[in-house]
Full PDB file with SEQRES, HELIX, SHEET, SSBOND, CRYST1, ORIGX, SCALE, CONECT and MASTER records, all heavy atoms in Angstrom:
SEQRES   1 A   42  ALA ALA ASP ALA ILE LYS PRO TRP ARG ARG LYS LEU THR          
SEQRES   2 A   42  ILE VAL VAL ARG VAL ARG LEU HIS PRO GLN ASN VAL PHE          
SEQRES   3 A   42  VAL THR VAL PRO SER TYR GLU VAL VAL VAL ALA SER PRO          
SEQRES   4 A   42  ALA GLY GLU                                                  
HELIX    1 AA1 LYS A    6  TRP A    8  5                                   3    
CRYST1    1.000    1.000    1.000  90.00  90.00  90.00 P 1           1          
ORIGX1      1.000000  0.000000  0.000000        0.00000                         
ORIGX2      0.000000  1.000000  0.000000        0.00000                         
ORIGX3      0.000000  0.000000  1.000000        0.00000                         
SCALE1      1.000000  0.000000  0.000000        0.00000                         
SCALE2      0.000000  1.000000  0.000000        0.00000                         
SCALE3      0.000000  0.000000  1.000000        0.00000                         
ATOM      1  N   ALA A   1       0.830  -1.203   0.000  1.00  0.00           N  
ATOM      2  CA  ALA A   1       0.000   0.000   0.000  1.00  0.00           C  
ATOM      3  C   ALA A   1       0.865   1.254   0.000  1.00  0.00           C  
ATOM      4  O   ALA A   1       0.578   2.224  -0.712  1.00  0.00           O  
ATOM      5  CB  ALA A   1      -0.926  -0.009   1.214  1.00  0.00           C  
ATOM      6  N   ALA A   2       1.943   1.249   0.806  1.00  0.00           N  
ATOM      7  CA  ALA A   2       2.838   2.400   0.866  1.00  0.00           C  
ATOM      8  C   ALA A   2       3.478   2.654  -0.495  1.00  0.00           C  
ATOM      9  O   ALA A   2       3.621   3.808  -0.932  1.00  0.00           O  
ATOM     10  CB  ALA A   2       3.907   2.173   1.920  1.00  0.00           C  
ATOM     11  N   ASP A   3       3.839   1.579  -1.199  1.00  0.00           N  
ATOM     12  CA  ASP A   3       4.419   1.733  -2.535  1.00  0.00           C  
ATOM     13  C   ASP A   3       3.384   2.278  -3.518  1.00  0.00           C  
ATOM     14  O   ASP A   3       3.704   3.105  -4.383  1.00  0.00           O  
ATOM     15  CB  ASP A   3       4.953   0.394  -3.042  1.00  0.00           C  
ATOM     16  CG  ASP A   3       6.208  -0.061  -2.307  1.00  0.00           C  
ATOM     17  OD1 ASP A   3       6.887   0.800  -1.706  1.00  0.00           O  
ATOM     18  OD2 ASP A   3       6.498  -1.276  -2.319  1.00  0.00           O  
ATOM     19  N   ALA A   4       2.137   1.817  -3.385  1.00  0.00           N  
ATOM     20  CA  ALA A   4       1.082   2.204  -4.325  1.00  0.00           C  
ATOM     21  C   ALA A   4       0.755   3.693  -4.250  1.00  0.00           C  
ATOM     22  O   ALA A   4       0.384   4.310  -5.254  1.00  0.00           O  
ATOM     23  CB  ALA A   4      -0.177   1.375  -4.065  1.00  0.00           C  
ATOM     24  N   ILE A   5       0.905   4.278  -3.062  1.00  0.00           N  
ATOM     25  CA  ILE A   5       0.524   5.684  -2.906  1.00  0.00           C  
ATOM     26  C   ILE A   5       1.713   6.643  -2.995  1.00  0.00           C  
ATOM     27  O   ILE A   5       1.533   7.854  -2.841  1.00  0.00           O  
ATOM     28  CB  ILE A   5      -0.231   5.923  -1.582  1.00  0.00           C  
ATOM     29  CG1 ILE A   5       0.665   5.588  -0.373  1.00  0.00           C  
ATOM     30  CG2 ILE A   5      -1.539   5.150  -1.543  1.00  0.00           C  
ATOM     31  CD1 ILE A   5       0.047   5.964   0.954  1.00  0.00           C  
ATOM     32  N   LYS A   6       2.896   6.125  -3.284  1.00  0.00           N  
ATOM     33  CA  LYS A   6       4.061   7.001  -3.391  1.00  0.00           C  
ATOM     34  C   LYS A   6       3.867   8.138  -4.383  1.00  0.00           C  
ATOM     35  O   LYS A   6       4.247   9.283  -4.105  1.00  0.00           O  
ATOM     36  CB  LYS A   6       5.300   6.174  -3.762  1.00  0.00           C  
ATOM     37  CG  LYS A   6       5.974   5.499  -2.574  1.00  0.00           C  
ATOM     38  CD  LYS A   6       7.221   4.754  -3.017  1.00  0.00           C  
ATOM     39  CE  LYS A   6       7.906   4.074  -1.828  1.00  0.00           C  
ATOM     40  NZ  LYS A   6       9.114   3.305  -2.260  1.00  0.00           N  
ATOM     41  N   PRO A   7       3.273   7.884  -5.557  1.00  0.00           N  
ATOM     42  CA  PRO A   7       3.093   9.002  -6.511  1.00  0.00           C  
ATOM     43  C   PRO A   7       2.116  10.065  -6.020  1.00  0.00           C  
ATOM     44  O   PRO A   7       2.069  11.161  -6.578  1.00  0.00           O  
ATOM     45  CB  PRO A   7       2.544   8.306  -7.766  1.00  0.00           C  
ATOM     46  CG  PRO A   7       2.912   6.870  -7.608  1.00  0.00           C  
ATOM     47  CD  PRO A   7       2.856   6.612  -6.138  1.00  0.00           C  
ATOM     48  N   TRP A   8       1.349   9.747  -4.969  1.00  0.00           N  
ATOM     49  CA  TRP A   8       0.291  10.655  -4.512  1.00  0.00           C  
ATOM     50  C   TRP A   8       0.606  11.268  -3.158  1.00  0.00           C  
ATOM     51  O   TRP A   8      -0.276  11.804  -2.502  1.00  0.00           O  
ATOM     52  CB  TRP A   8      -1.039   9.893  -4.445  1.00  0.00           C  
ATOM     53  CG  TRP A   8      -1.302   9.108  -5.687  1.00  0.00           C  
ATOM     54  CD1 TRP A   8      -1.260   7.747  -5.836  1.00  0.00           C  
ATOM     55  CD2 TRP A   8      -1.603   9.634  -6.985  1.00  0.00           C  
ATOM     56  NE1 TRP A   8      -1.516   7.399  -7.128  1.00  0.00           N  
ATOM     57  CE2 TRP A   8      -1.739   8.532  -7.853  1.00  0.00           C  
ATOM     58  CE3 TRP A   8      -1.792  10.933  -7.476  1.00  0.00           C  
ATOM     59  CZ2 TRP A   8      -2.037   8.696  -9.206  1.00  0.00           C  
ATOM     60  CZ3 TRP A   8      -2.087  11.091  -8.815  1.00  0.00           C  
ATOM     61  CH2 TRP A   8      -2.213   9.985  -9.666  1.00  0.00           C  
ATOM     62  N   ARG A   9       1.864  11.219  -2.750  1.00  0.00           N  
ATOM     63  CA  ARG A   9       2.252  11.776  -1.467  1.00  0.00           C  
ATOM     64  C   ARG A   9       1.876  13.254  -1.365  1.00  0.00           C  
ATOM     65  O   ARG A   9       2.212  14.041  -2.254  1.00  0.00           O  
ATOM     66  CB  ARG A   9       3.755  11.613  -1.228  1.00  0.00           C  
ATOM     67  CG  ARG A   9       4.196  10.188  -0.953  1.00  0.00           C  
ATOM     68  CD  ARG A   9       3.660   9.681   0.368  1.00  0.00           C  
ATOM     69  NE  ARG A   9       4.199   8.366   0.723  1.00  0.00           N  
ATOM     70  CZ  ARG A   9       3.778   7.651   1.755  1.00  0.00           C  
ATOM     71  NH1 ARG A   9       2.797   8.125   2.512  1.00  0.00           N  
ATOM     72  NH2 ARG A   9       4.315   6.493   2.021  1.00  0.00           N  
ATOM     73  N   ARG A  10       1.146  13.586  -0.310  1.00  0.00           N  
ATOM     74  CA  ARG A  10       0.768  14.961   0.019  1.00  0.00           C  
ATOM     75  C   ARG A  10      -0.031  15.631  -1.101  1.00  0.00           C  
ATOM     76  O   ARG A  10       0.021  16.837  -1.284  1.00  0.00           O  
ATOM     77  CB  ARG A  10       2.002  15.800   0.376  1.00  0.00           C  
ATOM     78  CG  ARG A  10       2.798  15.234   1.526  1.00  0.00           C  
ATOM     79  CD  ARG A  10       4.033  16.045   1.815  1.00  0.00           C  
ATOM     80  NE  ARG A  10       3.704  17.322   2.431  1.00  0.00           N  
ATOM     81  CZ  ARG A  10       3.511  17.524   3.731  1.00  0.00           C  
ATOM     82  NH1 ARG A  10       3.586  16.492   4.567  1.00  0.00           N  
ATOM     83  NH2 ARG A  10       3.224  18.724   4.188  1.00  0.00           N  
ATOM     84  N   LYS A  11      -0.792  14.811  -1.841  1.00  0.00           N  
ATOM     85  CA  LYS A  11      -1.629  15.340  -2.915  1.00  0.00           C  
ATOM     86  C   LYS A  11      -3.108  15.120  -2.600  1.00  0.00           C  
ATOM     87  O   LYS A  11      -3.492  14.093  -2.048  1.00  0.00           O  
ATOM     88  CB  LYS A  11      -1.296  14.671  -4.248  1.00  0.00           C  
ATOM     89  CG  LYS A  11       0.049  15.047  -4.830  1.00  0.00           C  
ATOM     90  CD  LYS A  11       0.257  14.393  -6.182  1.00  0.00           C  
ATOM     91  CE  LYS A  11       1.621  14.752  -6.753  1.00  0.00           C  
ATOM     92  NZ  LYS A  11       1.838  14.099  -8.076  1.00  0.00           N  
ATOM     93  N   LEU A  12      -3.899  16.096  -2.975  1.00  0.00           N  
ATOM     94  CA  LEU A  12      -5.351  15.979  -2.949  1.00  0.00           C  
ATOM     95  C   LEU A  12      -5.813  16.037  -4.403  1.00  0.00           C  
ATOM     96  O   LEU A  12      -5.462  16.966  -5.130  1.00  0.00           O  
ATOM     97  CB  LEU A  12      -5.984  17.128  -2.166  1.00  0.00           C  
ATOM     98  CG  LEU A  12      -7.500  17.271  -2.342  1.00  0.00           C  
ATOM     99  CD1 LEU A  12      -8.240  16.174  -1.592  1.00  0.00           C  
ATOM    100  CD2 LEU A  12      -7.975  18.641  -1.886  1.00  0.00           C  
ATOM    101  N   THR A  13      -6.566  15.038  -4.824  1.00  0.00           N  
ATOM    102  CA  THR A  13      -7.069  14.997  -6.193  1.00  0.00           C  
ATOM    103  C   THR A  13      -8.575  15.171  -6.191  1.00  0.00           C  
ATOM    104  O   THR A  13      -9.291  14.485  -5.451  1.00  0.00           O  
ATOM    105  CB  THR A  13      -6.702  13.669  -6.878  1.00  0.00           C  
ATOM    106  OG1 THR A  13      -5.285  13.497  -6.855  1.00  0.00           O  
ATOM    107  CG2 THR A  13      -7.189  13.651  -8.320  1.00  0.00           C  
ATOM    108  N   ILE A  14      -9.049  16.101  -6.997  1.00  0.00           N  
ATOM    109  CA  ILE A  14     -10.487  16.308  -7.166  1.00  0.00           C  
ATOM    110  C   ILE A  14     -10.867  15.735  -8.523  1.00  0.00           C  
ATOM    111  O   ILE A  14     -10.331  16.137  -9.555  1.00  0.00           O  
ATOM    112  CB  ILE A  14     -10.865  17.792  -7.071  1.00  0.00           C  
ATOM    113  CG1 ILE A  14     -10.493  18.318  -5.677  1.00  0.00           C  
ATOM    114  CG2 ILE A  14     -12.358  17.986  -7.333  1.00  0.00           C  
ATOM    115  CD1 ILE A  14     -10.819  19.784  -5.460  1.00  0.00           C  
ATOM    116  N   VAL A  15     -11.763  14.760  -8.499  1.00  0.00           N  
ATOM    117  CA  VAL A  15     -12.170  14.047  -9.703  1.00  0.00           C  
ATOM    118  C   VAL A  15     -13.575  14.489 -10.085  1.00  0.00           C  
ATOM    119  O   VAL A  15     -14.505  14.385  -9.282  1.00  0.00           O  
ATOM    120  CB  VAL A  15     -12.141  12.525  -9.491  1.00  0.00           C  
ATOM    121  CG1 VAL A  15     -12.495  11.796 -10.791  1.00  0.00           C  
ATOM    122  CG2 VAL A  15     -10.782  12.081  -8.972  1.00  0.00           C  
ATOM    123  N   VAL A  16     -13.715  14.991 -11.293  1.00  0.00           N  
ATOM    124  CA  VAL A  16     -15.023  15.405 -11.807  1.00  0.00           C  
ATOM    125  C   VAL A  16     -15.397  14.469 -12.947  1.00  0.00           C  
ATOM    126  O   VAL A  16     -14.656  14.340 -13.928  1.00  0.00           O  
ATOM    127  CB  VAL A  16     -15.003  16.860 -12.301  1.00  0.00           C  
ATOM    128  CG1 VAL A  16     -16.355  17.237 -12.908  1.00  0.00           C  
ATOM    129  CG2 VAL A  16     -14.652  17.807 -11.155  1.00  0.00           C  
ATOM    130  N   ARG A  17     -16.511  13.812 -12.791  1.00  0.00           N  
ATOM    131  CA  ARG A  17     -17.017  12.928 -13.844  1.00  0.00           C  
ATOM    132  C   ARG A  17     -18.107  13.672 -14.603  1.00  0.00           C  
ATOM    133  O   ARG A  17     -19.064  14.161 -13.991  1.00  0.00           O  
ATOM    134  CB  ARG A  17     -17.567  11.639 -13.246  1.00  0.00           C  
ATOM    135  CG  ARG A  17     -17.976  10.586 -14.290  1.00  0.00           C  
ATOM    136  CD  ARG A  17     -18.575   9.364 -13.610  1.00  0.00           C  
ATOM    137  NE  ARG A  17     -18.945   8.354 -14.584  1.00  0.00           N  
ATOM    138  CZ  ARG A  17     -18.198   7.315 -14.925  1.00  0.00           C  
ATOM    139  NH1 ARG A  17     -17.017   7.145 -14.356  1.00  0.00           N  
ATOM    140  NH2 ARG A  17     -18.603   6.436 -15.830  1.00  0.00           N  
ATOM    141  N   VAL A  18     -17.953  13.767 -15.923  1.00  0.00           N  
ATOM    142  CA  VAL A  18     -18.909  14.516 -16.735  1.00  0.00           C  
ATOM    143  C   VAL A  18     -19.586  13.572 -17.730  1.00  0.00           C  
ATOM    144  O   VAL A  18     -19.020  12.556 -18.149  1.00  0.00           O  
ATOM    145  CB  VAL A  18     -18.230  15.674 -17.499  1.00  0.00           C  
ATOM    146  CG1 VAL A  18     -17.594  16.642 -16.523  1.00  0.00           C  
ATOM    147  CG2 VAL A  18     -17.179  15.150 -18.471  1.00  0.00           C  
ATOM    148  N   ARG A  19     -20.814  13.904 -18.065  1.00  0.00           N  
ATOM    149  CA  ARG A  19     -21.543  13.166 -19.094  1.00  0.00           C  
ATOM    150  C   ARG A  19     -21.815  14.097 -20.266  1.00  0.00           C  
ATOM    151  O   ARG A  19     -22.071  15.287 -20.081  1.00  0.00           O  
ATOM    152  CB  ARG A  19     -22.860  12.608 -18.533  1.00  0.00           C  
ATOM    153  CG  ARG A  19     -23.812  13.660 -18.051  1.00  0.00           C  
ATOM    154  CD  ARG A  19     -25.206  13.074 -17.804  1.00  0.00           C  
ATOM    155  NE  ARG A  19     -25.228  12.259 -16.604  1.00  0.00           N  
ATOM    156  CZ  ARG A  19     -25.486  12.735 -15.384  1.00  0.00           C  
ATOM    157  NH1 ARG A  19     -25.700  14.034 -15.214  1.00  0.00           N  
ATOM    158  NH2 ARG A  19     -25.518  11.958 -14.348  1.00  0.00           N  
ATOM    159  N   LEU A  20     -21.744  13.558 -21.454  1.00  0.00           N  
ATOM    160  CA  LEU A  20     -21.962  14.340 -22.668  1.00  0.00           C  
ATOM    161  C   LEU A  20     -23.120  13.748 -23.459  1.00  0.00           C  
ATOM    162  O   LEU A  20     -23.362  12.537 -23.417  1.00  0.00           O  
ATOM    163  CB  LEU A  20     -20.698  14.346 -23.531  1.00  0.00           C  
ATOM    164  CG  LEU A  20     -19.430  14.917 -22.893  1.00  0.00           C  
ATOM    165  CD1 LEU A  20     -18.228  14.686 -23.795  1.00  0.00           C  
ATOM    166  CD2 LEU A  20     -19.593  16.397 -22.589  1.00  0.00           C  
ATOM    167  N   HIS A  21     -23.826  14.593 -24.174  1.00  0.00           N  
ATOM    168  CA  HIS A  21     -24.917  14.113 -25.008  1.00  0.00           C  
ATOM    169  C   HIS A  21     -24.346  13.173 -26.077  1.00  0.00           C  
ATOM    170  O   HIS A  21     -23.301  13.479 -26.686  1.00  0.00           O  
ATOM    171  CB  HIS A  21     -25.629  15.295 -25.677  1.00  0.00           C  
ATOM    172  CG  HIS A  21     -26.929  14.919 -26.301  1.00  0.00           C  
ATOM    173  ND1 HIS A  21     -27.011  14.265 -27.511  1.00  0.00           N  
ATOM    174  CD2 HIS A  21     -28.212  15.088 -25.875  1.00  0.00           C  
ATOM    175  CE1 HIS A  21     -28.267  14.050 -27.823  1.00  0.00           C  
ATOM    176  NE2 HIS A  21     -29.028  14.535 -26.849  1.00  0.00           N  
ATOM    177  N   PRO A  22     -24.989  12.036 -26.333  1.00  0.00           N  
ATOM    178  CA  PRO A  22     -24.445  11.084 -27.323  1.00  0.00           C  
ATOM    179  C   PRO A  22     -24.259  11.674 -28.711  1.00  0.00           C  
ATOM    180  O   PRO A  22     -23.454  11.162 -29.499  1.00  0.00           O  
ATOM    181  CB  PRO A  22     -25.503   9.967 -27.344  1.00  0.00           C  
ATOM    182  CG  PRO A  22     -26.173  10.055 -26.006  1.00  0.00           C  
ATOM    183  CD  PRO A  22     -26.180  11.522 -25.659  1.00  0.00           C  
ATOM    184  N   GLN A  23     -24.966  12.750 -29.033  1.00  0.00           N  
ATOM    185  CA  GLN A  23     -24.845  13.355 -30.361  1.00  0.00           C  
ATOM    186  C   GLN A  23     -23.882  14.543 -30.382  1.00  0.00           C  
ATOM    187  O   GLN A  23     -23.898  15.343 -31.325  1.00  0.00           O  
ATOM    188  CB  GLN A  23     -26.222  13.787 -30.853  1.00  0.00           C  
ATOM    189  CG  GLN A  23     -27.179  12.608 -31.073  1.00  0.00           C  
ATOM    190  CD  GLN A  23     -28.547  13.034 -31.569  1.00  0.00           C  
ATOM    191  OE1 GLN A  23     -28.891  14.216 -31.517  1.00  0.00           O  
ATOM    192  NE2 GLN A  23     -29.327  12.081 -32.050  1.00  0.00           N  
ATOM    193  N   ASN A  24     -23.027  14.635 -29.357  1.00  0.00           N  
ATOM    194  CA  ASN A  24     -22.058  15.731 -29.330  1.00  0.00           C  
ATOM    195  C   ASN A  24     -21.036  15.541 -30.454  1.00  0.00           C  
ATOM    196  O   ASN A  24     -20.897  14.450 -31.026  1.00  0.00           O  
ATOM    197  CB  ASN A  24     -21.361  15.797 -27.965  1.00  0.00           C  
ATOM    198  CG  ASN A  24     -20.368  14.663 -27.771  1.00  0.00           C  
ATOM    199  OD1 ASN A  24     -19.243  14.698 -28.244  1.00  0.00           O  
ATOM    200  ND2 ASN A  24     -20.809  13.618 -27.063  1.00  0.00           N  
ATOM    201  N   VAL A  25     -20.295  16.596 -30.742  1.00  0.00           N  
ATOM    202  CA  VAL A  25     -19.298  16.547 -31.826  1.00  0.00           C  
ATOM    203  C   VAL A  25     -17.863  16.570 -31.279  1.00  0.00           C  
ATOM    204  O   VAL A  25     -16.917  16.767 -32.037  1.00  0.00           O  
ATOM    205  CB  VAL A  25     -19.504  17.730 -32.804  1.00  0.00           C  
ATOM    206  CG1 VAL A  25     -20.839  17.614 -33.508  1.00  0.00           C  
ATOM    207  CG2 VAL A  25     -19.405  19.070 -32.071  1.00  0.00           C  
ATOM    208  N   PHE A  26     -17.699  16.351 -29.972  1.00  0.00           N  
ATOM    209  CA  PHE A  26     -16.364  16.372 -29.378  1.00  0.00           C  
ATOM    210  C   PHE A  26     -15.557  15.152 -29.820  1.00  0.00           C  
ATOM    211  O   PHE A  26     -16.086  14.043 -29.948  1.00  0.00           O  
ATOM    212  CB  PHE A  26     -16.445  16.386 -27.852  1.00  0.00           C  
ATOM    213  CG  PHE A  26     -17.102  17.611 -27.286  1.00  0.00           C  
ATOM    214  CD1 PHE A  26     -18.254  17.508 -26.510  1.00  0.00           C  
ATOM    215  CD2 PHE A  26     -16.578  18.867 -27.505  1.00  0.00           C  
ATOM    216  CE1 PHE A  26     -18.869  18.630 -25.980  1.00  0.00           C  
ATOM    217  CE2 PHE A  26     -17.178  20.006 -26.991  1.00  0.00           C  
ATOM    218  CZ  PHE A  26     -18.328  19.876 -26.220  1.00  0.00           C  
ATOM    219  N   VAL A  27     -14.255  15.354 -30.004  1.00  0.00           N  
ATOM    220  CA  VAL A  27     -13.345  14.242 -30.299  1.00  0.00           C  
ATOM    221  C   VAL A  27     -12.415  13.986 -29.115  1.00  0.00           C  
ATOM    222  O   VAL A  27     -11.652  13.022 -29.121  1.00  0.00           O  
ATOM    223  CB  VAL A  27     -12.515  14.517 -31.568  1.00  0.00           C  
ATOM    224  CG1 VAL A  27     -13.422  14.576 -32.789  1.00  0.00           C  
ATOM    225  CG2 VAL A  27     -11.706  15.800 -31.430  1.00  0.00           C  
ATOM    226  N   THR A  28     -12.481  14.836 -28.104  1.00  0.00           N  
ATOM    227  CA  THR A  28     -11.726  14.661 -26.879  1.00  0.00           C  
ATOM    228  C   THR A  28     -12.502  15.322 -25.746  1.00  0.00           C  
ATOM    229  O   THR A  28     -13.474  16.053 -25.988  1.00  0.00           O  
ATOM    230  CB  THR A  28     -10.318  15.284 -26.996  1.00  0.00           C  
ATOM    231  OG1 THR A  28      -9.549  14.939 -25.835  1.00  0.00           O  
ATOM    232  CG2 THR A  28     -10.400  16.795 -27.121  1.00  0.00           C  
ATOM    233  N   VAL A  29     -12.102  15.049 -24.527  1.00  0.00           N  
ATOM    234  CA  VAL A  29     -12.801  15.615 -23.373  1.00  0.00           C  
ATOM    235  C   VAL A  29     -12.608  17.126 -23.346  1.00  0.00           C  
ATOM    236  O   VAL A  29     -11.472  17.608 -23.433  1.00  0.00           O  
ATOM    237  CB  VAL A  29     -12.277  15.001 -22.053  1.00  0.00           C  
ATOM    238  CG1 VAL A  29     -13.027  15.577 -20.856  1.00  0.00           C  
ATOM    239  CG2 VAL A  29     -12.422  13.486 -22.077  1.00  0.00           C  
ATOM    240  N   PRO A  30     -13.685  17.899 -23.263  1.00  0.00           N  
ATOM    241  CA  PRO A  30     -13.546  19.357 -23.179  1.00  0.00           C  
ATOM    242  C   PRO A  30     -12.680  19.764 -21.992  1.00  0.00           C  
ATOM    243  O   PRO A  30     -12.528  19.013 -21.023  1.00  0.00           O  
ATOM    244  CB  PRO A  30     -14.993  19.836 -23.013  1.00  0.00           C  
ATOM    245  CG  PRO A  30     -15.827  18.735 -23.596  1.00  0.00           C  
ATOM    246  CD  PRO A  30     -15.091  17.467 -23.285  1.00  0.00           C  
ATOM    247  N   SER A  31     -12.126  20.961 -22.059  1.00  0.00           N  
ATOM    248  CA  SER A  31     -11.177  21.429 -21.043  1.00  0.00           C  
ATOM    249  C   SER A  31     -11.888  21.949 -19.790  1.00  0.00           C  
ATOM    250  O   SER A  31     -11.817  23.142 -19.455  1.00  0.00           O  
ATOM    251  CB  SER A  31     -10.270  22.509 -21.637  1.00  0.00           C  
ATOM    252  OG  SER A  31      -9.524  21.998 -22.701  1.00  0.00           O  
ATOM    253  N   TYR A  32     -12.560  21.031 -19.083  1.00  0.00           N  
ATOM    254  CA  TYR A  32     -13.163  21.410 -17.805  1.00  0.00           C  
ATOM    255  C   TYR A  32     -12.055  21.769 -16.825  1.00  0.00           C  
ATOM    256  O   TYR A  32     -11.007  21.122 -16.786  1.00  0.00           O  
ATOM    257  CB  TYR A  32     -13.994  20.258 -17.245  1.00  0.00           C  
ATOM    258  CG  TYR A  32     -15.265  19.999 -18.026  1.00  0.00           C  
ATOM    259  CD1 TYR A  32     -15.270  19.086 -19.070  1.00  0.00           C  
ATOM    260  CD2 TYR A  32     -16.447  20.667 -17.721  1.00  0.00           C  
ATOM    261  CE1 TYR A  32     -16.430  18.845 -19.793  1.00  0.00           C  
ATOM    262  CE2 TYR A  32     -17.612  20.425 -18.436  1.00  0.00           C  
ATOM    263  CZ  TYR A  32     -17.591  19.520 -19.477  1.00  0.00           C  
ATOM    264  OH  TYR A  32     -18.732  19.286 -20.199  1.00  0.00           O  
ATOM    265  N   GLU A  33     -12.301  22.778 -16.023  1.00  0.00           N  
ATOM    266  CA  GLU A  33     -11.308  23.247 -15.064  1.00  0.00           C  
ATOM    267  C   GLU A  33     -11.874  23.187 -13.661  1.00  0.00           C  
ATOM    268  O   GLU A  33     -13.061  23.465 -13.434  1.00  0.00           O  
ATOM    269  CB  GLU A  33     -10.902  24.686 -15.385  1.00  0.00           C  
ATOM    270  CG  GLU A  33     -10.263  24.849 -16.758  1.00  0.00           C  
ATOM    271  CD  GLU A  33      -9.940  26.300 -17.066  1.00  0.00           C  
ATOM    272  OE1 GLU A  33     -10.590  27.188 -16.471  1.00  0.00           O  
ATOM    273  OE2 GLU A  33      -9.044  26.547 -17.888  1.00  0.00           O  
ATOM    274  N   VAL A  34     -11.022  22.818 -12.717  1.00  0.00           N  
ATOM    275  CA  VAL A  34     -11.390  22.798 -11.304  1.00  0.00           C  
ATOM    276  C   VAL A  34     -10.553  23.838 -10.578  1.00  0.00           C  
ATOM    277  O   VAL A  34      -9.324  23.858 -10.711  1.00  0.00           O  
ATOM    278  CB  VAL A  34     -11.166  21.407 -10.681  1.00  0.00           C  
ATOM    279  CG1 VAL A  34     -11.476  21.435  -9.188  1.00  0.00           C  
ATOM    280  CG2 VAL A  34     -12.031  20.359 -11.376  1.00  0.00           C  
ATOM    281  N   VAL A  35     -11.209  24.704  -9.845  1.00  0.00           N  
ATOM    282  CA  VAL A  35     -10.531  25.761  -9.084  1.00  0.00           C  
ATOM    283  C   VAL A  35     -10.857  25.581  -7.612  1.00  0.00           C  
ATOM    284  O   VAL A  35     -12.017  25.387  -7.238  1.00  0.00           O  
ATOM    285  CB  VAL A  35     -10.986  27.159  -9.550  1.00  0.00           C  
ATOM    286  CG1 VAL A  35     -10.320  28.251  -8.706  1.00  0.00           C  
ATOM    287  CG2 VAL A  35     -10.654  27.364 -11.021  1.00  0.00           C  
ATOM    288  N   VAL A  36      -9.829  25.628  -6.773  1.00  0.00           N  
ATOM    289  CA  VAL A  36      -9.998  25.585  -5.322  1.00  0.00           C  
ATOM    290  C   VAL A  36      -9.542  26.924  -4.766  1.00  0.00           C  
ATOM    291  O   VAL A  36      -8.434  27.378  -5.058  1.00  0.00           O  
ATOM    292  CB  VAL A  36      -9.184  24.442  -4.683  1.00  0.00           C  
ATOM    293  CG1 VAL A  36      -9.324  24.465  -3.162  1.00  0.00           C  
ATOM    294  CG2 VAL A  36      -9.640  23.095  -5.228  1.00  0.00           C  
ATOM    295  N   ALA A  37     -10.400  27.561  -3.986  1.00  0.00           N  
ATOM    296  CA  ALA A  37     -10.072  28.905  -3.487  1.00  0.00           C  
ATOM    297  C   ALA A  37     -10.578  29.088  -2.071  1.00  0.00           C  
ATOM    298  O   ALA A  37     -11.448  28.347  -1.596  1.00  0.00           O  
ATOM    299  CB  ALA A  37     -10.682  29.965  -4.398  1.00  0.00           C  
ATOM    300  N   SER A  38     -10.030  30.076  -1.403  1.00  0.00           N  
ATOM    301  CA  SER A  38     -10.522  30.462  -0.085  1.00  0.00           C  
ATOM    302  C   SER A  38     -11.856  31.181  -0.268  1.00  0.00           C  
ATOM    303  O   SER A  38     -12.188  31.618  -1.374  1.00  0.00           O  
ATOM    304  CB  SER A  38      -9.525  31.386   0.598  1.00  0.00           C  
ATOM    305  OG  SER A  38      -9.472  32.629  -0.097  1.00  0.00           O  
ATOM    306  N   PRO A  39     -12.655  31.316   0.803  1.00  0.00           N  
ATOM    307  CA  PRO A  39     -13.909  32.074   0.680  1.00  0.00           C  
ATOM    308  C   PRO A  39     -13.689  33.492   0.155  1.00  0.00           C  
ATOM    309  O   PRO A  39     -14.578  34.069  -0.475  1.00  0.00           O  
ATOM    310  CB  PRO A  39     -14.449  32.078   2.110  1.00  0.00           C  
ATOM    311  CG  PRO A  39     -13.906  30.813   2.705  1.00  0.00           C  
ATOM    312  CD  PRO A  39     -12.529  30.680   2.113  1.00  0.00           C  
ATOM    313  N   ALA A  40     -12.472  34.037   0.371  1.00  0.00           N  
ATOM    314  CA  ALA A  40     -12.163  35.385  -0.114  1.00  0.00           C  
ATOM    315  C   ALA A  40     -11.760  35.403  -1.582  1.00  0.00           C  
ATOM    316  O   ALA A  40     -11.591  36.474  -2.167  1.00  0.00           O  
ATOM    317  CB  ALA A  40     -11.052  35.998   0.726  1.00  0.00           C  
ATOM    318  N   GLY A  41     -11.583  34.208  -2.167  1.00  0.00           N  
ATOM    319  CA  GLY A  41     -11.266  34.135  -3.586  1.00  0.00           C  
ATOM    320  C   GLY A  41      -9.823  33.847  -3.924  1.00  0.00           C  
ATOM    321  O   GLY A  41      -9.471  33.744  -5.098  1.00  0.00           O  
ATOM    322  N   GLU A  42      -8.959  33.679  -2.921  1.00  0.00           N  
ATOM    323  CA  GLU A  42      -7.548  33.379  -3.186  1.00  0.00           C  
ATOM    324  C   GLU A  42      -7.412  31.925  -3.622  1.00  0.00           C  
ATOM    325  O   GLU A  42      -7.752  31.006  -2.886  1.00  0.00           O  
ATOM    326  CB  GLU A  42      -6.699  33.626  -1.940  1.00  0.00           C  
ATOM    327  CG  GLU A  42      -5.219  33.398  -2.154  1.00  0.00           C  
ATOM    328  CD  GLU A  42      -4.402  33.648  -0.898  1.00  0.00           C  
ATOM    329  OE1 GLU A  42      -4.993  34.094   0.113  1.00  0.00           O  
ATOM    330  OE2 GLU A  42      -3.183  33.397  -0.942  1.00  0.00           O  
TER     331      GLU A  42                                                      
MASTER        0    0    0    1    0    0    0    6  330    1    0    4          
END                                                                             
């Protein structure tokens, strides 16, 4: 287990799962962005 998590040391990962309409014209996942900020906006 310790070996398995070595690449993730001191990291927090936020995973967003998105669904797209089957008739979309995308050829790759759109550039969704995740922002983490303080309540003040920093």
